[in-house]
Amino acid sequence: MRKLMPAMAAAIALSVGLAPAAAKSERTNHNERSRSHVSLHLSTHSVLKGRGLAVRGKVRPSGHHRVKLVFRGPDGGTRGVTTKANGTFAVRWLPERTGTHAVRAFVVHDRRVRGSRSAKRRLTSYRLAGASYYGPGLYGNGVACGGTLLPGTMGVAHKTLPCGTKVKLRYHGRTVTVPVIDRGPYVAGRDYDLTEAVKERLGFPGVGTVLATR
């Protein structure tokens, strides 16, 4: 019996010493958060001002997660959404102003997952604008914003936008970003005069409607 006492005491001391460590390990495991990943997709990257598009995404691991959508650009702001049980989410977004926007999704850090962010997705919202073109017969003449109009000059004429203002134009899938270099057009219903070089780059027929960010 005397021989057993030291062994029993050692066993009790060992078990007492291990108990806090086991409890600490259990607490550590309980507090560990899974690494999250969020993907983000837009139903289109070009839209008319005032028309909506779908913003969709998915968070892994699946489950109900809080996601914050951050919109940068002319229609900036934030929007919160909770994912479905499978980790997916979808919201409708309606840009009210023209220009270039960027959207990013953030998974909110909670007791189950660590926060993460998606890749940035870009979108351009346009308005319809009447347009024509000019150039032949005027080459060698000066333009209102300074410089000389040449066959290769890339730019547009507008009645009021400040000189140098960058305007993104789109026509049948082709896009170009050019500065305001001149004043005009002075025909009712037309917003822009494109230089011949811009006309050719867009495949624009000469008179018609383009999509414009300004």
C-alpha atoms as a PDB file:
ATOM      1  CA  MET A   1       0.000   0.000   0.000  1.00  0.00           C
ATOM      2  CA  ARG A   2       2.871   2.329   0.892  1.00  0.00           C
ATOM      3  CA  LYS A   3       4.363   1.664  -2.543  1.00  0.00           C
ATOM      4  CA  LEU A   4       1.094   2.545  -4.233  1.00  0.00           C
ATOM      5  CA  MET A   5       0.674   5.895  -2.467  1.00  0.00           C
ATOM      6  CA  PRO A   6       3.422   7.790  -4.357  1.00  0.00           C
ATOM      7  CA  ALA A   7       2.165   6.460  -7.676  1.00  0.00           C
ATOM      8  CA  MET A   8      -1.415   7.500  -6.883  1.00  0.00           C
ATOM      9  CA  ALA A   9      -0.270  10.940  -5.755  1.00  0.00           C
ATOM     10  CA  ALA A  10       1.713  11.403  -8.950  1.00  0.00           C
ATOM     11  CA  ALA A  11      -1.286  10.353 -11.040  1.00  0.00           C
ATOM     12  CA  ILE A  12      -3.563  12.791  -9.192  1.00  0.00           C
ATOM     13  CA  ALA A  13      -1.057  15.626  -9.579  1.00  0.00           C
ATOM     14  CA  LEU A  14      -0.678  14.845 -13.272  1.00  0.00           C
ATOM     15  CA  SER A  15      -4.416  14.815 -13.833  1.00  0.00           C
ATOM     16  CA  VAL A  16      -4.847  18.097 -11.935  1.00  0.00           C
ATOM     17  CA  GLY A  17      -2.093  19.674 -13.972  1.00  0.00           C
ATOM     18  CA  LEU A  18      -3.579  18.545 -17.263  1.00  0.00           C
ATOM     19  CA  ALA A  19      -7.116  19.698 -16.519  1.00  0.00           C
ATOM     20  CA  PRO A  20      -6.477  23.451 -16.978  1.00  0.00           C
ATOM     21  CA  ALA A  21      -4.463  22.757 -20.137  1.00  0.00           C
ATOM     22  CA  ALA A  22      -7.314  20.685 -21.564  1.00  0.00           C
ATOM     23  CA  ALA A  23      -9.822  23.394 -20.666  1.00  0.00           C
ATOM     24  CA  LYS A  24      -7.582  26.015 -22.252  1.00  0.00           C
ATOM     25  CA  SER A  25      -7.236  23.913 -25.412  1.00  0.00           C
ATOM     26  CA  GLU A  26     -11.010  23.502 -25.545  1.00  0.00           C
ATOM     27  CA  ARG A  27     -11.513  27.250 -25.228  1.00  0.00           C
ATOM     28  CA  THR A  28      -8.912  27.902 -27.932  1.00  0.00           C
ATOM     29  CA  ASN A  29     -10.593  25.509 -30.339  1.00  0.00           C
ATOM     30  CA  HIS A  30     -13.979  27.012 -29.538  1.00  0.00           C
ATOM     31  CA  ASN A  31     -12.677  30.495 -30.373  1.00  0.00           C
ATOM     32  CA  GLU A  32     -10.963  29.525 -33.622  1.00  0.00           C
ATOM     33  CA  ARG A  33     -12.621  31.028 -36.707  1.00  0.00           C
ATOM     34  CA  SER A  34     -12.723  29.483 -40.138  1.00  0.00           C
ATOM     35  CA  ARG A  35     -11.128  31.349 -42.994  1.00  0.00           C
ATOM     36  CA  SER A  36     -13.815  32.768 -45.295  1.00  0.00           C
ATOM     37  CA  HIS A  37     -13.781  33.511 -49.011  1.00  0.00           C
ATOM     38  CA  VAL A  38     -16.267  35.636 -50.926  1.00  0.00           C
ATOM     39  CA  SER A  39     -16.792  35.857 -54.689  1.00  0.00           C
ATOM     40  CA  LEU A  40     -18.676  38.679 -56.424  1.00  0.00           C
ATOM     41  CA  HIS A  41     -20.201  38.985 -59.896  1.00  0.00           C
ATOM     42  CA  LEU A  42     -22.199  41.634 -61.773  1.00  0.00           C
ATOM     43  CA  SER A  43     -24.852  40.685 -64.326  1.00  0.00           C
ATOM     44  CA  THR A  44     -23.434  43.378 -66.650  1.00  0.00           C
ATOM     45  CA  HIS A  45     -20.531  45.821 -66.703  1.00  0.00           C
ATOM     46  CA  SER A  46     -22.308  48.450 -68.826  1.00  0.00           C
ATOM     47  CA  VAL A  47     -25.760  49.759 -68.004  1.00  0.00           C
ATOM     48  CA  LEU A  48     -27.988  52.713 -68.808  1.00  0.00           C
ATOM     49  CA  LYS A  49     -28.492  55.164 -65.962  1.00  0.00           C
ATOM     50  CA  GLY A  50     -31.688  54.286 -64.103  1.00  0.00           C
ATOM     51  CA  ARG A  51     -31.680  50.641 -65.153  1.00  0.00           C
ATOM     52  CA  GLY A  52     -30.891  47.956 -62.617  1.00  0.00           C
ATOM     53  CA  LEU A  53     -28.467  45.071 -62.543  1.00  0.00           C
ATOM     54  CA  ALA A  54     -27.922  42.056 -60.297  1.00  0.00           C
ATOM     55  CA  VAL A  55     -25.033  41.898 -57.837  1.00  0.00           C
ATOM     56  CA  ARG A  56     -24.461  38.274 -56.835  1.00  0.00           C
ATOM     57  CA  GLY A  57     -21.928  36.434 -54.760  1.00  0.00           C
ATOM     58  CA  LYS A  58     -21.118  33.443 -52.584  1.00  0.00           C
ATOM     59  CA  VAL A  59     -19.356  32.988 -49.278  1.00  0.00           C
ATOM     60  CA  ARG A  60     -17.423  29.873 -48.327  1.00  0.00           C
ATOM     61  CA  PRO A  61     -17.855  28.053 -46.001  1.00  0.00           C
ATOM     62  CA  SER A  62     -21.605  27.972 -46.565  1.00  0.00           C
ATOM     63  CA  GLY A  63     -24.055  29.150 -43.937  1.00  0.00           C
ATOM     64  CA  HIS A  64     -25.670  32.411 -42.929  1.00  0.00           C
ATOM     65  CA  HIS A  65     -23.085  35.197 -43.044  1.00  0.00           C
ATOM     66  CA  ARG A  66     -23.313  38.959 -42.943  1.00  0.00           C
ATOM     67  CA  VAL A  67     -21.932  40.679 -46.040  1.00  0.00           C
ATOM     68  CA  LYS A  68     -21.357  44.386 -46.630  1.00  0.00           C
ATOM     69  CA  LEU A  69     -21.391  45.654 -50.214  1.00  0.00           C
ATOM     70  CA  VAL A  70     -19.400  48.837 -50.773  1.00  0.00           C
ATOM     71  CA  PHE A  71     -20.119  50.956 -53.848  1.00  0.00           C
ATOM     72  CA  ARG A  72     -17.560  53.546 -54.976  1.00  0.00           C
ATOM     73  CA  GLY A  73     -18.197  56.174 -57.627  1.00  0.00           C
ATOM     74  CA  PRO A  74     -20.976  58.623 -58.507  1.00  0.00           C
ATOM     75  CA  ASP A  75     -23.503  56.457 -56.621  1.00  0.00           C
ATOM     76  CA  GLY A  76     -21.359  55.529 -53.636  1.00  0.00           C
ATOM     77  CA  GLY A  77     -22.637  53.930 -50.459  1.00  0.00           C
ATOM     78  CA  THR A  78     -22.937  50.660 -48.574  1.00  0.00           C
ATOM     79  CA  ARG A  79     -25.529  47.943 -48.366  1.00  0.00           C
ATOM     80  CA  GLY A  80     -25.830  45.008 -45.984  1.00  0.00           C
ATOM     81  CA  VAL A  81     -27.126  41.552 -46.830  1.00  0.00           C
ATOM     82  CA  THR A  82     -27.282  38.142 -45.132  1.00  0.00           C
ATOM     83  CA  THR A  83     -26.431  35.076 -47.175  1.00  0.00           C
ATOM     84  CA  LYS A  84     -28.722  32.100 -47.602  1.00  0.00           C
ATOM     85  CA  ALA A  85     -27.877  28.778 -45.963  1.00  0.00           C
ATOM     86  CA  ASN A  86     -25.806  27.791 -49.005  1.00  0.00           C
ATOM     87  CA  GLY A  87     -23.715  30.971 -48.681  1.00  0.00           C
ATOM     88  CA  THR A  88     -25.159  32.815 -51.702  1.00  0.00           C
ATOM     89  CA  PHE A  89     -26.553  36.342 -51.854  1.00  0.00           C
ATOM     90  CA  ALA A  90     -28.081  38.579 -54.511  1.00  0.00           C
ATOM     91  CA  VAL A  91     -29.235  42.197 -54.546  1.00  0.00           C
ATOM     92  CA  ARG A  92     -30.596  44.546 -57.176  1.00  0.00           C
ATOM     93  CA  TRP A  93     -28.620  47.737 -57.768  1.00  0.00           C
ATOM     94  CA  LEU A  94     -29.876  50.714 -59.757  1.00  0.00           C
ATOM     95  CA  PRO A  95     -27.241  53.385 -60.562  1.00  0.00           C
ATOM     96  CA  GLU A  96     -28.902  56.799 -60.716  1.00  0.00           C
ATOM     97  CA  ARG A  97     -25.869  58.683 -62.034  1.00  0.00           C
ATOM     98  CA  THR A  98     -23.534  58.160 -64.959  1.00  0.00           C
ATOM     99  CA  GLY A  99     -19.876  57.321 -64.589  1.00  0.00           C
ATOM    100  CA  THR A 100     -17.533  54.558 -63.509  1.00  0.00           C
ATOM    101  CA  HIS A 101     -18.365  52.609 -60.358  1.00  0.00           C
ATOM    102  CA  ALA A 102     -16.539  49.943 -58.366  1.00  0.00           C
ATOM    103  CA  VAL A 103     -18.193  47.315 -56.155  1.00  0.00           C
ATOM    104  CA  ARG A 104     -16.607  45.102 -53.528  1.00  0.00           C
ATOM    105  CA  ALA A 105     -18.092  42.612 -51.019  1.00  0.00           C
ATOM    106  CA  PHE A 106     -16.815  42.216 -47.458  1.00  0.00           C
ATOM    107  CA  VAL A 107     -17.637  39.255 -45.205  1.00  0.00           C
ATOM    108  CA  VAL A 108     -18.244  40.602 -41.699  1.00  0.00           C
ATOM    109  CA  HIS A 109     -15.942  39.076 -39.072  1.00  0.00           C
ATOM    110  CA  ASP A 110     -17.931  37.071 -36.506  1.00  0.00           C
ATOM    111  CA  ARG A 111     -17.439  34.238 -34.007  1.00  0.00           C
ATOM    112  CA  ARG A 112     -17.547  31.585 -36.753  1.00  0.00           C
ATOM    113  CA  VAL A 113     -15.515  33.059 -39.646  1.00  0.00           C
ATOM    114  CA  ARG A 114     -12.750  35.545 -40.211  1.00  0.00           C
ATOM    115  CA  GLY A 115     -13.593  38.498 -42.412  1.00  0.00           C
ATOM    116  CA  SER A 116     -12.585  38.568 -46.081  1.00  0.00           C
ATOM    117  CA  ARG A 117     -13.147  40.680 -49.177  1.00  0.00           C
ATOM    118  CA  SER A 118     -13.895  39.976 -52.813  1.00  0.00           C
ATOM    119  CA  ALA A 119     -12.117  41.188 -55.900  1.00  0.00           C
ATOM    120  CA  LYS A 120     -13.233  44.620 -57.082  1.00  0.00           C
ATOM    121  CA  ARG A 121     -15.809  44.629 -59.896  1.00  0.00           C
ATOM    122  CA  ARG A 122     -16.217  47.663 -62.136  1.00  0.00           C
ATOM    123  CA  LEU A 123     -19.295  49.019 -63.868  1.00  0.00           C
ATOM    124  CA  THR A 124     -19.945  51.959 -66.181  1.00  0.00           C
ATOM    125  CA  SER A 125     -23.348  53.619 -66.294  1.00  0.00           C
ATOM    126  CA  TYR A 126     -24.209  55.659 -69.386  1.00  0.00           C
ATOM    127  CA  ARG A 127     -26.867  57.945 -70.765  1.00  0.00           C
ATOM    128  CA  LEU A 128     -28.115  58.191 -74.332  1.00  0.00           C
ATOM    129  CA  ALA A 129     -26.585  61.120 -76.219  1.00  0.00           C
ATOM    130  CA  GLY A 130     -27.170  62.440 -79.717  1.00  0.00           C
ATOM    131  CA  ALA A 131     -23.956  62.719 -81.718  1.00  0.00           C
ATOM    132  CA  SER A 132     -22.496  63.715 -85.065  1.00  0.00           C
ATOM    133  CA  TYR A 133     -18.933  64.098 -86.309  1.00  0.00           C
ATOM    134  CA  TYR A 134     -16.713  66.751 -87.858  1.00  0.00           C
ATOM    135  CA  GLY A 135     -13.267  67.049 -89.365  1.00  0.00           C
ATOM    136  CA  PRO A 136     -13.024  66.919 -93.168  1.00  0.00           C
ATOM    137  CA  GLY A 137     -12.633  70.441 -94.516  1.00  0.00           C
ATOM    138  CA  LEU A 138     -11.611  71.770 -91.094  1.00  0.00           C
ATOM    139  CA  TYR A 139      -8.213  70.164 -90.662  1.00  0.00           C
ATOM    140  CA  GLY A 140      -5.518  72.671 -89.824  1.00  0.00           C
ATOM    141  CA  ASN A 141      -7.972  74.918 -87.989  1.00  0.00           C
ATOM    142  CA  GLY A 142      -7.642  75.637 -84.294  1.00  0.00           C
ATOM    143  CA  VAL A 143     -10.017  74.179 -81.689  1.00  0.00           C
ATOM    144  CA  ALA A 144     -11.618  76.073 -78.822  1.00  0.00           C
ATOM    145  CA  CYS A 145      -9.608  74.349 -76.095  1.00  0.00           C
ATOM    146  CA  GLY A 146      -6.283  74.962 -77.797  1.00  0.00           C
ATOM    147  CA  GLY A 147      -4.413  72.997 -80.431  1.00  0.00           C
ATOM    148  CA  THR A 148      -5.039  72.129 -84.061  1.00  0.00           C
ATOM    149  CA  LEU A 149      -7.607  69.754 -85.502  1.00  0.00           C
ATOM    150  CA  LEU A 150      -5.887  66.975 -87.431  1.00  0.00           C
ATOM    151  CA  PRO A 151      -7.099  63.679 -88.969  1.00  0.00           C
ATOM    152  CA  GLY A 152      -5.741  61.732 -85.999  1.00  0.00           C
ATOM    153  CA  THR A 153      -7.074  64.038 -83.259  1.00  0.00           C
ATOM    154  CA  MET A 154      -8.987  62.128 -80.569  1.00  0.00           C
ATOM    155  CA  GLY A 155     -11.599  64.244 -78.838  1.00  0.00           C
ATOM    156  CA  VAL A 156     -15.134  65.570 -78.780  1.00  0.00           C
ATOM    157  CA  ALA A 157     -16.838  68.923 -78.961  1.00  0.00           C
ATOM    158  CA  HIS A 158     -19.399  69.826 -76.288  1.00  0.00           C
ATOM    159  CA  LYS A 159     -21.189  73.087 -75.606  1.00  0.00           C
ATOM    160  CA  THR A 160     -20.626  73.371 -71.839  1.00  0.00           C
ATOM    161  CA  LEU A 161     -18.330  70.689 -70.385  1.00  0.00           C
ATOM    162  CA  PRO A 162     -14.961  72.132 -69.290  1.00  0.00           C
ATOM    163  CA  CYS A 163     -12.055  71.653 -71.655  1.00  0.00           C
ATOM    164  CA  GLY A 164     -10.156  68.475 -70.898  1.00  0.00           C
ATOM    165  CA  THR A 165     -13.139  66.698 -69.304  1.00  0.00           C
ATOM    166  CA  LYS A 166     -12.813  62.981 -69.990  1.00  0.00           C
ATOM    167  CA  VAL A 167     -15.881  61.371 -71.569  1.00  0.00           C
ATOM    168  CA  LYS A 168     -16.320  57.645 -72.087  1.00  0.00           C
ATOM    169  CA  LEU A 169     -18.340  56.788 -75.197  1.00  0.00           C
ATOM    170  CA  ARG A 170     -19.783  53.449 -76.218  1.00  0.00           C
ATOM    171  CA  TYR A 171     -21.284  52.354 -79.513  1.00  0.00           C
ATOM    172  CA  HIS A 172     -22.258  48.783 -80.443  1.00  0.00           C
ATOM    173  CA  GLY A 173     -19.818  47.263 -77.951  1.00  0.00           C
ATOM    174  CA  ARG A 174     -16.878  49.528 -78.750  1.00  0.00           C
ATOM    175  CA  THR A 175     -15.689  52.050 -76.166  1.00  0.00           C
ATOM    176  CA  VAL A 176     -13.299  54.973 -76.119  1.00  0.00           C
ATOM    177  CA  THR A 177     -12.413  57.607 -73.517  1.00  0.00           C
ATOM    178  CA  VAL A 178     -11.536  61.026 -74.927  1.00  0.00           C
ATOM    179  CA  PRO A 179     -11.251  64.650 -73.726  1.00  0.00           C
ATOM    180  CA  VAL A 180     -13.438  67.619 -74.588  1.00  0.00           C
ATOM    181  CA  ILE A 181     -11.344  69.683 -77.013  1.00  0.00           C
ATOM    182  CA  ASP A 182     -13.834  71.972 -78.752  1.00  0.00           C
ATOM    183  CA  ARG A 183     -17.246  73.650 -78.581  1.00  0.00           C
ATOM    184  CA  GLY A 184     -20.330  72.384 -80.383  1.00  0.00           C
ATOM    185  CA  PRO A 185     -22.397  70.886 -81.877  1.00  0.00           C
ATOM    186  CA  TYR A 186     -24.957  73.586 -82.540  1.00  0.00           C
ATOM    187  CA  VAL A 187     -27.667  71.381 -84.011  1.00  0.00           C
ATOM    188  CA  ALA A 188     -30.784  70.650 -81.952  1.00  0.00           C
ATOM    189  CA  GLY A 189     -30.839  67.217 -80.361  1.00  0.00           C
ATOM    190  CA  ARG A 190     -27.090  66.641 -80.540  1.00  0.00           C
ATOM    191  CA  ASP A 191     -24.848  66.544 -77.476  1.00  0.00           C
ATOM    192  CA  TYR A 192     -21.466  65.721 -78.990  1.00  0.00           C
ATOM    193  CA  ASP A 193     -19.453  66.230 -82.125  1.00  0.00           C
ATOM    194  CA  LEU A 194     -16.904  63.436 -82.477  1.00  0.00           C
ATOM    195  CA  THR A 195     -13.682  63.951 -84.335  1.00  0.00           C
ATOM    196  CA  GLU A 196     -13.243  61.722 -87.364  1.00  0.00           C
ATOM    197  CA  ALA A 197     -10.665  59.620 -85.495  1.00  0.00           C
ATOM    198  CA  VAL A 198     -13.174  58.932 -82.681  1.00  0.00           C
ATOM    199  CA  LYS A 199     -15.881  58.154 -85.229  1.00  0.00           C
ATOM    200  CA  GLU A 200     -13.634  55.561 -86.876  1.00  0.00           C
ATOM    201  CA  ARG A 201     -12.563  54.044 -83.559  1.00  0.00           C
ATOM    202  CA  LEU A 202     -16.194  53.507 -82.533  1.00  0.00           C
ATOM    203  CA  GLY A 203     -17.457  52.440 -85.948  1.00  0.00           C
ATOM    204  CA  PHE A 204     -19.983  55.279 -85.687  1.00  0.00           C
ATOM    205  CA  PRO A 205     -21.898  56.033 -88.907  1.00  0.00           C
ATOM    206  CA  GLY A 206     -21.721  59.826 -88.583  1.00  0.00           C
ATOM    207  CA  VAL A 207     -25.042  60.849 -87.057  1.00  0.00           C
ATOM    208  CA  GLY A 208     -26.942  58.912 -84.416  1.00  0.00           C
ATOM    209  CA  THR A 209     -26.985  58.020 -80.733  1.00  0.00           C
ATOM    210  CA  VAL A 210     -24.065  56.954 -78.553  1.00  0.00           C
ATOM    211  CA  LEU A 211     -23.788  56.013 -74.904  1.00  0.00           C
ATOM    212  CA  ALA A 212     -21.925  58.629 -72.870  1.00  0.00           C
ATOM    213  CA  THR A 213     -20.796  58.967 -69.250  1.00  0.00           C
ATOM    214  CA  ARG A 214     -21.310  62.742 -69.195  1.00  0.00           C
END
